[in-house]
Amino acid sequence: MRFFNHRKRFGDLSEQEVLALAISSEEDDARIYRGYAEHLRADYPASARMFDGMAAEEDTHRARLIDLHRRRFGDTIPLIRREHVAGYYARRLVWLMESLGLDRIRDEAGMMERDAERFYLAAIARTTDADTRELLGDLAAAEAGHQATAAELAAENLDADTRQQEDLAAHRQFVLTWVQPGLAGLMDGSVSTLAPIFATAFATQDTWTTFLVGVAASVGAGISMGFTEAASDDGEISGRGSPIKRGLASGVMTTIGGLGHALPYLIADFWTATIIAFAIVFVELWAIAWIQNRYMQTPFFRAAFQVVLGGALVLGAGIVIGSG
């Protein structure tokens, strides 16, 4: 469907356009690295310095490419960017970088350099013009050099102790922003919905009614927990991260926790549905204990005792109320 594609193929680019594309790519990558540096500077200053250095390297290569273009083609550089060329490698949208963790940003930078090198090496194989091959070879070598420079900058700015400290800080932020509110939501959804769901089940022995009550309780609890978490703390002072992320984690996990033992009541037979729901409750409670042990450093048996005892009391209350 080439007739409907307004982007040019790489094979159709002139040597001047290839050089212009390399210049714009180097400029974009420098901006991305500076964006990473600013995003990380407050919490991970060593990594921010590394990305500042990588941005400076991109600026140096861009300046050399501009000098080469000026010597060969003059001062006017054609406007051609990645999105103008079919099949050219793409970069992550810059506004998505706030959702990336420290390790993911480091990996993203490595992929940026590898993508560029592979592209230029592949482009060399598709051309027979000596000057173009030389140009693309120089660009591929430059990208390989960027990878070596990145490794040197990482070694200079990220010694073992610094990297370990930043990794621990990143793990702590992950726990505060996602695990802690998600765990609170899962506990609330799994435990607080036990009473209304099983009270309805034993009062009516109608699986469809029980399912509807369970869905309503789960969704309602999820909405309530999500808004409560988001509104309780903007994260500026506590350092717990984005209230939207925390609210989303809490709300979704609350809903999941309640739906786990509501869904079995889609089964028409009451006792079959109830036995399966009991089994799911057991799995949910032990999963909560495992998460507490894994991420919150709570001793497993203490966490299991607290969660299982609390869940059993709520479950028992629901059954007694429903049976009465």
Protein backbone atom coordinates (compact mmCIF):
# COMPACT_ATOMS: atom_id res chain seq x y z
CA MET A 1 0.00 0.00 0.00
CA ARG A 2 2.87 2.33 -0.81
CA PHE A 3 0.56 4.77 -2.62
CA PHE A 4 -1.15 5.60 0.67
CA ASN A 5 2.08 6.02 2.63
CA HIS A 6 3.35 9.61 2.60
CA ARG A 7 6.63 8.70 4.30
CA LYS A 8 9.76 8.19 2.23
CA ARG A 9 11.62 4.92 2.17
CA PHE A 10 15.17 5.05 3.40
CA GLY A 11 16.40 3.73 0.07
CA ASP A 12 14.86 6.78 -1.64
CA LEU A 13 16.74 9.31 0.51
CA SER A 14 19.58 11.29 -0.99
CA GLU A 15 22.93 11.50 0.77
CA GLN A 16 22.04 15.00 1.97
CA GLU A 17 18.76 13.74 3.40
CA VAL A 18 20.52 10.85 5.16
CA LEU A 19 22.88 13.33 6.76
CA ALA A 20 20.00 15.62 7.73
CA LEU A 21 18.17 12.67 9.25
CA ALA A 22 21.25 11.79 11.30
CA ILE A 23 21.50 15.39 12.52
CA SER A 24 17.87 15.54 13.64
CA SER A 25 18.16 12.12 15.28
CA GLU A 26 21.21 13.17 17.27
CA GLU A 27 19.39 16.33 18.35
CA ASP A 28 16.30 14.38 19.45
CA ASP A 29 18.37 11.87 21.41
CA ALA A 30 20.21 14.67 23.23
CA ARG A 31 16.87 16.12 24.27
CA ILE A 32 15.65 12.74 25.46
CA TYR A 33 18.77 12.24 27.57
CA ARG A 34 18.38 15.69 29.10
CA GLY A 35 14.77 14.88 29.86
CA TYR A 36 15.86 11.69 31.61
CA ALA A 37 18.45 13.67 33.58
CA GLU A 38 15.89 16.22 34.79
CA HIS A 39 13.43 13.47 35.65
CA LEU A 40 16.05 11.67 37.76
CA ARG A 41 17.99 14.60 39.20
CA ALA A 42 16.12 15.01 42.48
CA ASP A 43 16.15 11.35 43.51
CA TYR A 44 19.07 9.88 41.52
CA PRO A 45 21.70 12.60 41.01
CA ALA A 46 24.45 10.20 39.92
CA SER A 47 22.32 8.76 37.12
CA ALA A 48 21.27 12.29 36.17
CA ARG A 49 24.93 13.25 35.73
CA MET A 50 25.43 10.18 33.54
CA PHE A 51 22.60 11.24 31.22
CA ASP A 52 23.89 14.84 31.16
CA GLY A 53 27.18 13.42 29.89
CA MET A 54 25.42 11.29 27.26
CA ALA A 55 23.48 14.35 26.06
CA ALA A 56 26.74 16.27 25.73
CA GLU A 57 28.16 13.42 23.61
CA GLU A 58 25.14 13.60 21.31
CA ASP A 59 25.65 17.36 20.97
CA THR A 60 29.28 16.80 19.98
CA HIS A 61 28.35 14.30 17.26
CA ARG A 62 25.55 16.55 16.02
CA ALA A 63 28.02 19.44 15.68
CA ARG A 64 30.41 17.24 13.68
CA LEU A 65 27.58 16.13 11.39
CA ILE A 66 26.51 19.73 10.83
CA ASP A 67 30.09 20.67 9.93
CA LEU A 68 30.16 17.79 7.44
CA HIS A 69 26.84 18.87 5.93
CA ARG A 70 28.07 22.46 5.63
CA ARG A 71 31.19 21.33 3.76
CA ARG A 72 29.32 19.04 1.36
CA PHE A 73 25.91 20.64 0.87
CA GLY A 74 25.94 24.15 2.36
CA ASP A 75 24.22 25.75 5.32
CA THR A 76 20.62 24.80 4.55
CA ILE A 77 19.74 21.48 6.19
CA PRO A 78 16.59 19.76 4.87
CA LEU A 79 13.83 19.22 7.43
CA ILE A 80 13.59 15.44 7.75
CA ARG A 81 12.90 13.56 10.94
CA ARG A 82 12.38 9.97 12.01
CA GLU A 83 8.63 10.07 11.47
CA HIS A 84 9.18 11.12 7.84
CA VAL A 85 10.97 7.85 6.95
CA ALA A 86 9.19 4.51 6.65
CA GLY A 87 10.69 1.79 8.81
CA TYR A 88 12.96 4.13 10.74
CA TYR A 89 13.36 3.24 14.42
CA ALA A 90 11.07 5.12 16.80
CA ARG A 91 11.72 6.54 20.25
CA ARG A 92 9.43 6.29 23.26
CA LEU A 93 7.05 9.24 23.52
CA VAL A 94 8.74 11.73 25.85
CA TRP A 95 5.68 12.29 28.03
CA LEU A 96 5.66 8.59 28.91
CA MET A 97 9.07 8.71 30.57
CA GLU A 98 7.58 9.77 33.92
CA SER A 99 6.06 6.29 34.16
CA LEU A 100 9.48 4.61 33.77
CA GLY A 101 11.51 3.38 36.72
CA LEU A 102 15.24 3.90 37.09
CA ASP A 103 16.26 0.51 35.65
CA ARG A 104 13.82 0.92 32.77
CA ILE A 105 15.29 4.32 31.88
CA ARG A 106 18.80 2.85 31.91
CA ASP A 107 17.66 0.01 29.66
CA GLU A 108 15.86 2.47 27.38
CA ALA A 109 19.08 4.46 26.90
CA GLY A 110 20.94 1.30 25.95
CA MET A 111 18.26 0.37 23.41
CA MET A 112 18.41 3.86 21.91
CA GLU A 113 22.08 3.48 21.07
CA ARG A 114 21.76 -0.13 19.86
CA ASP A 115 18.79 0.74 17.63
CA ALA A 116 20.70 3.55 15.98
CA GLU A 117 23.78 1.42 15.36
CA ARG A 118 21.76 -1.46 13.90
CA PHE A 119 19.88 0.88 11.62
CA TYR A 120 23.00 2.40 10.14
CA LEU A 121 24.65 -0.99 9.72
CA ALA A 122 21.56 -2.28 7.90
CA ALA A 123 21.50 0.84 5.74
CA ILE A 124 25.09 0.22 4.64
CA ALA A 125 24.05 -3.15 3.21
CA ARG A 126 21.35 -1.50 1.10
CA THR A 127 23.52 0.98 -0.77
CA THR A 128 26.30 0.64 -3.35
CA ASP A 129 27.40 4.29 -3.40
CA ALA A 130 30.89 4.53 -1.91
CA ASP A 131 30.40 7.95 -0.30
CA THR A 132 27.08 6.94 1.19
CA ARG A 133 28.53 3.71 2.54
CA GLU A 134 31.37 5.64 4.12
CA LEU A 135 28.97 8.11 5.68
CA LEU A 136 26.70 5.41 7.09
CA GLY A 137 29.74 3.50 8.34
CA ASP A 138 30.94 6.59 10.19
CA LEU A 139 27.50 7.01 11.75
CA ALA A 140 27.38 3.36 12.82
CA ALA A 141 30.83 3.71 14.39
CA ALA A 142 29.68 6.86 16.16
CA GLU A 143 26.68 5.05 17.63
CA ALA A 144 28.92 2.19 18.78
CA GLY A 145 31.16 4.82 20.32
CA HIS A 146 28.14 6.26 22.12
CA GLN A 147 27.59 2.87 23.76
CA ALA A 148 31.20 2.76 24.93
CA THR A 149 30.91 6.33 26.19
CA ALA A 150 27.72 5.48 28.05
CA ALA A 151 29.53 2.60 29.76
CA GLU A 152 32.42 4.91 30.71
CA LEU A 153 30.03 7.54 32.08
CA ALA A 154 28.16 4.88 34.04
CA ALA A 155 31.44 3.62 35.53
CA GLU A 156 32.47 7.19 36.37
CA ASN A 157 29.21 8.27 37.98
CA LEU A 158 27.72 4.97 39.18
CA ASP A 159 30.13 3.07 41.39
CA ALA A 160 28.81 -0.07 43.08
CA ASP A 161 27.72 1.70 46.27
CA THR A 162 26.00 4.54 44.42
CA ARG A 163 24.17 2.18 42.09
CA GLN A 164 23.06 0.04 45.03
CA GLN A 165 21.78 3.11 46.87
CA GLU A 166 19.85 4.29 43.82
CA ASP A 167 18.43 0.81 43.22
CA LEU A 168 17.29 0.65 46.85
CA ALA A 169 15.69 4.08 46.51
CA ALA A 170 13.93 2.98 43.31
CA HIS A 171 12.65 -0.18 45.03
CA ARG A 172 11.41 1.87 47.98
CA GLN A 173 9.60 4.25 45.63
CA PHE A 174 7.99 1.31 43.83
CA VAL A 175 6.79 -0.08 47.15
CA LEU A 176 5.41 3.28 48.32
CA THR A 177 3.69 4.17 45.05
CA TRP A 178 2.36 0.79 43.87
CA VAL A 179 2.77 -2.04 46.37
CA GLN A 180 1.61 -0.36 49.56
CA PRO A 181 -1.65 1.15 48.20
CA GLY A 182 -2.27 -1.94 46.08
CA LEU A 183 -1.82 -4.19 49.10
CA ALA A 184 -4.15 -2.02 51.17
CA GLY A 185 -6.72 -2.23 48.39
CA LEU A 186 -6.36 -5.99 48.02
CA MET A 187 -6.79 -6.45 51.77
CA ASP A 188 -9.84 -4.19 51.87
CA GLY A 189 -11.43 -5.79 48.80
CA SER A 190 -10.73 -9.34 49.92
CA VAL A 191 -11.77 -8.93 53.55
CA SER A 192 -14.40 -6.20 53.69
CA THR A 193 -16.56 -7.74 50.94
CA LEU A 194 -16.65 -11.16 52.61
CA ALA A 195 -19.46 -10.23 54.97
CA PRO A 196 -21.94 -8.78 52.44
CA ILE A 197 -21.24 -11.46 49.81
CA PHE A 198 -21.56 -14.48 52.08
CA ALA A 199 -24.38 -12.95 54.10
CA THR A 200 -26.32 -12.56 50.85
CA ALA A 201 -25.33 -16.06 49.74
CA PHE A 202 -26.56 -17.80 52.88
CA ALA A 203 -29.61 -15.55 53.28
CA THR A 204 -30.93 -16.08 49.74
CA GLN A 205 -29.04 -19.13 48.42
CA ASP A 206 -29.56 -17.41 45.07
CA THR A 207 -26.27 -17.38 43.17
CA TRP A 208 -27.24 -14.63 40.71
CA THR A 209 -28.34 -12.26 43.47
CA THR A 210 -25.14 -13.04 45.37
CA PHE A 211 -23.09 -12.34 42.26
CA LEU A 212 -24.78 -8.96 41.72
CA VAL A 213 -24.25 -7.97 45.35
CA GLY A 214 -20.62 -9.07 45.12
CA VAL A 215 -19.96 -7.05 41.96
CA ALA A 216 -21.66 -3.98 43.42
CA ALA A 217 -19.71 -4.28 46.68
CA SER A 218 -16.41 -4.81 44.87
CA VAL A 219 -16.80 -1.98 42.37
CA GLY A 220 -18.14 0.39 45.00
CA ALA A 221 -15.30 -0.43 47.37
CA GLY A 222 -12.78 0.00 44.55
CA ILE A 223 -14.07 3.45 43.63
CA SER A 224 -14.16 4.51 47.27
CA MET A 225 -10.66 3.22 48.05
CA GLY A 226 -9.22 4.71 44.87
CA PHE A 227 -10.55 8.20 45.53
CA THR A 228 -9.65 8.00 49.22
CA GLU A 229 -6.05 7.03 48.48
CA ALA A 230 -5.65 9.70 45.80
CA ALA A 231 -7.15 12.44 47.96
CA SER A 232 -5.40 11.53 51.19
CA ASP A 233 -1.87 12.51 50.16
CA ASP A 234 -0.52 14.43 47.18
CA GLY A 235 2.88 12.78 47.67
CA GLU A 236 4.83 16.05 47.78
CA ILE A 237 5.89 15.81 51.43
CA SER A 238 5.57 12.09 52.06
CA GLY A 239 7.43 11.13 48.87
CA ARG A 240 4.88 8.40 48.16
CA GLY A 241 4.60 9.34 44.51
CA SER A 242 1.76 10.33 42.21
CA PRO A 243 -1.66 10.28 43.89
CA ILE A 244 -3.18 9.13 40.58
CA LYS A 245 -0.91 6.07 40.45
CA ARG A 246 -1.58 5.25 44.10
CA GLY A 247 -5.32 5.72 43.69
CA LEU A 248 -5.33 3.54 40.59
CA ALA A 249 -3.36 0.78 42.35
CA SER A 250 -5.61 0.87 45.39
CA GLY A 251 -8.87 1.02 43.45
CA VAL A 252 -8.04 -1.73 40.98
CA MET A 253 -6.72 -4.12 43.62
CA THR A 254 -9.73 -3.48 45.86
CA THR A 255 -12.05 -4.39 43.03
CA ILE A 256 -10.03 -7.48 42.15
CA GLY A 257 -9.99 -8.59 45.77
CA GLY A 258 -13.78 -8.49 45.97
CA LEU A 259 -14.49 -9.95 42.55
CA GLY A 260 -12.32 -12.98 43.30
CA HIS A 261 -14.94 -14.56 45.55
CA ALA A 262 -17.93 -12.98 43.77
CA LEU A 263 -17.28 -14.53 40.36
CA PRO A 264 -17.86 -18.16 41.48
CA TYR A 265 -21.52 -17.25 42.00
CA LEU A 266 -21.95 -17.17 38.25
CA ILE A 267 -22.25 -20.94 38.77
CA ALA A 268 -25.90 -21.85 39.18
CA ASP A 269 -25.41 -24.52 41.86
CA PHE A 270 -25.21 -22.78 45.25
CA TRP A 271 -22.93 -25.21 47.10
CA THR A 272 -20.55 -25.64 44.17
CA ALA A 273 -20.21 -21.87 43.87
CA THR A 274 -19.78 -21.46 47.62
CA ILE A 275 -17.09 -24.11 47.94
CA ILE A 276 -15.13 -22.54 45.08
CA ALA A 277 -15.57 -19.11 46.68
CA PHE A 278 -14.20 -20.48 49.97
CA ALA A 279 -11.16 -21.83 48.13
CA ILE A 280 -10.56 -18.49 46.42
CA VAL A 281 -10.82 -16.65 49.74
CA PHE A 282 -8.18 -18.98 51.16
CA VAL A 283 -5.85 -18.26 48.22
CA GLU A 284 -6.48 -14.50 48.47
CA LEU A 285 -5.64 -14.33 52.15
CA TRP A 286 -2.43 -16.32 51.77
CA ALA A 287 -1.45 -14.17 48.76
CA ILE A 288 -1.86 -11.07 50.91
CA ALA A 289 0.36 -12.62 53.59
CA TRP A 290 2.99 -13.44 50.94
CA ILE A 291 2.97 -9.88 49.57
CA GLN A 292 3.36 -8.46 53.06
CA ASN A 293 6.31 -10.75 53.66
CA ARG A 294 7.89 -10.10 50.25
CA TYR A 295 7.60 -6.32 50.03
CA MET A 296 6.81 -5.07 53.53
CA GLN A 297 9.28 -7.34 55.38
CA THR A 298 6.51 -8.60 57.66
CA PRO A 299 7.33 -12.05 59.09
CA PHE A 300 5.29 -14.51 57.05
CA PHE A 301 3.59 -16.34 59.90
CA ARG A 302 2.69 -13.10 61.65
CA ALA A 303 1.23 -11.73 58.42
CA ALA A 304 -0.61 -14.98 57.77
CA PHE A 305 -2.01 -15.05 61.31
CA GLN A 306 -3.25 -11.45 61.11
CA VAL A 307 -4.77 -11.72 57.64
CA VAL A 308 -6.24 -15.20 57.97
CA LEU A 309 -7.67 -14.50 61.44
CA GLY A 310 -9.19 -11.21 60.33
CA GLY A 311 -10.60 -12.75 57.17
CA ALA A 312 -12.01 -15.72 59.06
CA LEU A 313 -13.77 -13.42 61.54
CA VAL A 314 -15.36 -11.34 58.76
CA LEU A 315 -16.30 -14.48 56.81
CA GLY A 316 -17.84 -16.02 59.90
CA ALA A 317 -19.77 -12.85 60.63
CA GLY A 318 -21.21 -12.83 57.13
CA ILE A 319 -22.26 -16.50 57.32
CA VAL A 320 -23.86 -16.08 60.76
CA ILE A 321 -25.76 -12.96 59.72
CA GLY A 322 -26.90 -14.54 56.47
CA SER A 323 -27.94 -17.81 58.14
CA GLY A 324 -29.92 -16.03 60.83
